[in-house]
Amino acid sequence: MVDIDKVVNILQNAQQPQSDFVKLMDSFKDPYLVLIACILSLRTNDKTTYPATLRMLELAKAPQQMMNVKVEELEKAIYPVGFYKNKAEQIIELSKILTEKYEGKVPCDIDELCKFKGVGRKTANLVLSEGFNKPAICVDVHVHRIFNRLGYIKTKNPEETEFTLREKLPKKYWIPINSLLVTHGQNVCKPIKPLCDNCPIEKYCDKNI
């Protein structure tokens, strides 16, 4: 059985380079900024998302400001993120809803967050953990892949992984686990041709997964 305490400790001390976008998300501590940056990141790599996020934040950093930004202006700022036209409309519309119905405040409830167009459980959990510092497990493809490769869980998709980890993963790891495994997944435990010889947690890995 995987010793998750040892695995987390090793990854925390591995000093693997974080992508600029991961570092940016970790630094926000603002639910709204986490929310709109996460929307930009969907189906887009970090190298594209990071500069696009910085350009977006030059236009506005609060929903009351963003709702008044012209769609065309936001499209230009966030290009070439995937589906940039749809995301520009989504972010402006979301900002209007937050301003008009939520007094400009992002709700700190996962079910409420998932009511917003284009916001799924991954985004909602990241907003809770990074924006509100509330225990929540943000499961993306890296978290899903690595936990299954380790043999810590056996699940078929990220949503199943989230609910399984809620039952098994110690709550103290819920917030940091996403950044740790995203960084490890980007540097070492890649989806194709993982760098197993350079992996600091290789001895804990179930090679048959």
Protein backbone atom coordinates (compact mmCIF):
# COMPACT_ATOMS: atom_id res chain seq x y z
CA MET A 1 0.00 0.00 0.00
CA VAL A 2 1.25 3.48 -0.89
CA ASP A 3 2.55 5.53 2.05
CA ILE A 4 0.92 8.81 1.06
CA ASP A 5 2.68 10.74 3.84
CA LYS A 6 6.08 9.78 2.43
CA VAL A 7 4.99 10.48 -1.15
CA VAL A 8 3.75 13.98 -0.32
CA ASN A 9 6.84 14.75 1.76
CA ILE A 10 9.15 13.68 -1.08
CA LEU A 11 7.27 15.76 -3.64
CA GLN A 12 7.26 18.79 -1.34
CA ASN A 13 11.04 18.56 -1.10
CA ALA A 14 11.72 17.57 -4.70
CA GLN A 15 12.12 21.19 -5.86
CA GLN A 16 10.67 20.48 -9.27
CA PRO A 17 10.17 23.66 -11.29
CA GLN A 18 6.60 24.93 -11.26
CA SER A 19 5.17 26.45 -14.41
CA ASP A 20 4.62 30.21 -14.27
CA PHE A 21 0.86 29.67 -14.41
CA VAL A 22 0.85 27.26 -11.46
CA LYS A 23 2.86 29.77 -9.43
CA LEU A 24 0.47 32.53 -10.44
CA MET A 25 -2.58 30.54 -9.35
CA ASP A 26 -0.92 29.69 -6.04
CA SER A 27 -0.23 33.39 -5.43
CA PHE A 28 -3.70 34.79 -6.13
CA LYS A 29 -5.60 33.98 -2.92
CA ASP A 30 -8.53 35.81 -4.51
CA PRO A 31 -11.57 33.67 -5.46
CA TYR A 32 -12.48 35.81 -8.47
CA LEU A 33 -8.96 35.81 -9.93
CA VAL A 34 -8.65 32.06 -9.42
CA LEU A 35 -12.03 31.54 -11.08
CA ILE A 36 -11.39 33.54 -14.25
CA ALA A 37 -7.80 32.31 -14.61
CA CYS A 38 -9.00 28.72 -14.30
CA ILE A 39 -11.63 29.34 -17.00
CA LEU A 40 -8.85 30.55 -19.30
CA SER A 41 -6.74 27.48 -18.57
CA LEU A 42 -9.33 24.94 -19.68
CA ARG A 43 -8.12 23.03 -22.76
CA THR A 44 -5.07 25.29 -23.01
CA ASN A 45 -1.46 24.64 -21.95
CA ASP A 46 0.16 26.69 -19.20
CA LYS A 47 2.65 28.38 -21.55
CA THR A 48 -0.24 29.97 -23.42
CA THR A 49 -2.50 30.57 -20.42
CA TYR A 50 0.06 32.40 -18.26
CA PRO A 51 0.72 35.43 -20.51
CA ALA A 52 -2.96 35.54 -21.51
CA THR A 53 -3.94 35.74 -17.84
CA LEU A 54 -1.53 38.63 -17.26
CA ARG A 55 -2.95 40.49 -20.27
CA MET A 56 -6.50 39.89 -19.01
CA LEU A 57 -5.66 41.25 -15.58
CA GLU A 58 -4.41 44.47 -17.15
CA LEU A 59 -8.02 45.09 -18.20
CA ALA A 60 -9.74 44.26 -14.91
CA LYS A 61 -9.22 42.46 -11.61
CA ALA A 62 -12.74 42.55 -10.16
CA PRO A 63 -16.15 41.54 -11.52
CA GLN A 64 -17.47 45.11 -11.31
CA GLN A 65 -14.68 46.18 -13.67
CA MET A 66 -14.69 43.13 -15.94
CA MET A 67 -18.42 43.34 -16.69
CA ASN A 68 -17.78 46.65 -18.47
CA VAL A 69 -14.90 45.41 -20.63
CA LYS A 70 -15.81 45.07 -24.30
CA VAL A 71 -15.92 41.48 -25.51
CA GLU A 72 -13.67 42.28 -28.46
CA GLU A 73 -11.10 43.84 -26.15
CA LEU A 74 -11.03 40.80 -23.89
CA GLU A 75 -10.85 38.46 -26.88
CA LYS A 76 -7.77 40.30 -28.10
CA ALA A 77 -6.15 40.13 -24.65
CA ILE A 78 -6.62 36.40 -24.09
CA TYR A 79 -5.91 35.18 -27.63
CA PRO A 80 -4.67 32.49 -28.43
CA VAL A 81 -6.12 30.45 -25.54
CA GLY A 82 -8.45 27.70 -26.68
CA PHE A 83 -12.02 28.84 -27.41
CA TYR A 84 -10.99 32.41 -26.60
CA LYS A 85 -14.17 33.95 -28.06
CA ASN A 86 -16.43 31.75 -25.93
CA LYS A 87 -14.26 32.32 -22.85
CA ALA A 88 -14.33 36.10 -23.28
CA GLU A 89 -18.14 36.10 -23.38
CA GLN A 90 -18.29 33.65 -20.48
CA ILE A 91 -16.01 35.72 -18.23
CA ILE A 92 -17.88 38.97 -18.90
CA GLU A 93 -21.28 37.34 -18.38
CA LEU A 94 -20.07 35.64 -15.21
CA SER A 95 -18.79 38.97 -13.93
CA LYS A 96 -22.20 40.56 -14.54
CA ILE A 97 -23.94 37.78 -12.64
CA LEU A 98 -21.52 38.05 -9.72
CA THR A 99 -22.01 41.81 -9.58
CA GLU A 100 -25.78 41.83 -9.92
CA LYS A 101 -26.77 38.70 -7.96
CA TYR A 102 -23.89 38.06 -5.56
CA GLU A 103 -22.81 41.61 -4.63
CA GLY A 104 -19.56 41.08 -6.51
CA LYS A 105 -18.54 38.14 -4.34
CA VAL A 106 -17.73 34.64 -5.54
CA PRO A 107 -19.79 32.04 -3.62
CA CYS A 108 -17.76 29.64 -1.49
CA ASP A 109 -20.00 26.64 -2.13
CA ILE A 110 -19.16 24.03 -4.75
CA ASP A 111 -22.76 23.42 -5.80
CA GLU A 112 -23.37 27.15 -6.19
CA LEU A 113 -20.19 27.57 -8.22
CA CYS A 114 -21.15 24.73 -10.54
CA LYS A 115 -24.32 26.62 -11.48
CA PHE A 116 -22.22 29.06 -13.49
CA LYS A 117 -21.90 28.29 -17.19
CA GLY A 118 -18.66 26.48 -17.98
CA VAL A 119 -17.71 25.89 -14.34
CA GLY A 120 -17.25 22.24 -13.40
CA ARG A 121 -16.11 20.50 -10.26
CA LYS A 122 -12.40 20.89 -11.07
CA THR A 123 -12.70 24.67 -11.34
CA ALA A 124 -15.04 24.93 -8.36
CA ASN A 125 -12.70 22.92 -6.14
CA LEU A 126 -9.72 25.03 -7.18
CA VAL A 127 -11.61 28.20 -6.30
CA LEU A 128 -12.43 26.78 -2.87
CA SER A 129 -8.88 25.61 -2.16
CA GLU A 130 -6.81 28.42 -3.70
CA GLY A 131 -9.27 31.28 -3.37
CA PHE A 132 -10.90 30.54 -0.02
CA ASN A 133 -8.27 28.24 1.53
CA LYS A 134 -11.02 25.70 2.21
CA PRO A 135 -10.25 21.97 2.03
CA ALA A 136 -11.20 20.85 -1.47
CA ILE A 137 -9.63 18.38 -3.88
CA CYS A 138 -9.07 19.78 -7.35
CA VAL A 139 -8.70 16.78 -9.66
CA ASP A 140 -7.33 17.37 -13.14
CA VAL A 141 -5.74 14.90 -15.55
CA HIS A 142 -2.43 14.96 -13.65
CA VAL A 143 -4.00 14.18 -10.26
CA HIS A 144 -6.15 11.45 -11.80
CA ARG A 145 -3.26 9.88 -13.72
CA ILE A 146 -0.62 9.94 -10.98
CA PHE A 147 -2.80 8.61 -8.17
CA ASN A 148 -3.85 5.72 -10.41
CA ARG A 149 -0.28 5.04 -11.53
CA LEU A 150 0.79 4.92 -7.91
CA GLY A 151 -1.95 2.40 -7.25
CA TYR A 152 -3.32 4.59 -4.43
CA ILE A 153 -6.73 4.43 -6.12
CA LYS A 154 -8.26 2.66 -9.09
CA THR A 155 -10.71 4.99 -10.83
CA LYS A 156 -11.91 5.56 -14.38
CA ASN A 157 -12.25 9.35 -14.57
CA PRO A 158 -11.38 12.57 -12.65
CA GLU A 159 -14.82 12.90 -11.04
CA GLU A 160 -14.65 9.38 -9.65
CA THR A 161 -11.12 10.14 -8.49
CA GLU A 162 -12.29 13.23 -6.59
CA PHE A 163 -14.94 11.37 -4.62
CA THR A 164 -12.64 8.42 -3.94
CA LEU A 165 -9.91 10.75 -2.66
CA ARG A 166 -12.45 12.51 -0.43
CA GLU A 167 -12.85 9.21 1.37
CA LYS A 168 -9.19 8.18 1.40
CA LEU A 169 -6.79 11.14 1.19
CA PRO A 170 -6.00 12.83 4.54
CA LYS A 171 -7.69 16.22 4.62
CA LYS A 172 -4.41 18.01 5.36
CA TYR A 173 -3.33 17.21 1.79
CA TRP A 174 -6.48 18.32 0.00
CA ILE A 175 -5.32 21.87 -0.75
CA PRO A 176 -1.64 21.31 -1.74
CA ILE A 177 -2.10 18.06 -3.67
CA ASN A 178 -3.13 19.69 -6.94
CA SER A 179 -0.06 21.92 -7.27
CA LEU A 180 2.23 19.08 -6.21
CA LEU A 181 0.88 16.58 -8.73
CA VAL A 182 0.45 19.07 -11.57
CA THR A 183 4.11 20.04 -11.16
CA HIS A 184 5.19 16.39 -10.94
CA GLY A 185 3.04 15.50 -13.93
CA GLN A 186 4.43 18.32 -16.06
CA ASN A 187 8.05 17.54 -15.21
CA VAL A 188 8.29 13.79 -14.65
CA CYS A 189 5.13 11.68 -14.61
CA LYS A 190 4.03 12.70 -18.09
CA PRO A 191 1.08 11.05 -19.82
CA ILE A 192 3.32 9.69 -22.58
CA LYS A 193 6.85 8.46 -21.93
CA PRO A 194 7.05 9.33 -18.21
CA LEU A 195 10.58 9.91 -16.93
CA CYS A 196 10.52 7.03 -14.45
CA ASP A 197 14.32 6.96 -14.04
CA ASN A 198 14.18 10.55 -12.73
CA CYS A 199 11.12 10.07 -10.53
CA PRO A 200 11.67 10.71 -6.78
CA ILE A 201 8.63 8.56 -5.90
CA GLU A 202 9.34 5.78 -8.42
CA LYS A 203 9.66 3.11 -5.73
CA TYR A 204 6.08 3.76 -4.64
CA CYS A 205 4.68 3.44 -8.16
CA ASP A 206 2.62 0.50 -9.35
CA LYS A 207 4.27 -0.12 -12.73
CA ASN A 208 1.30 -2.15 -13.92
CA ILE A 209 -1.07 0.81 -13.73
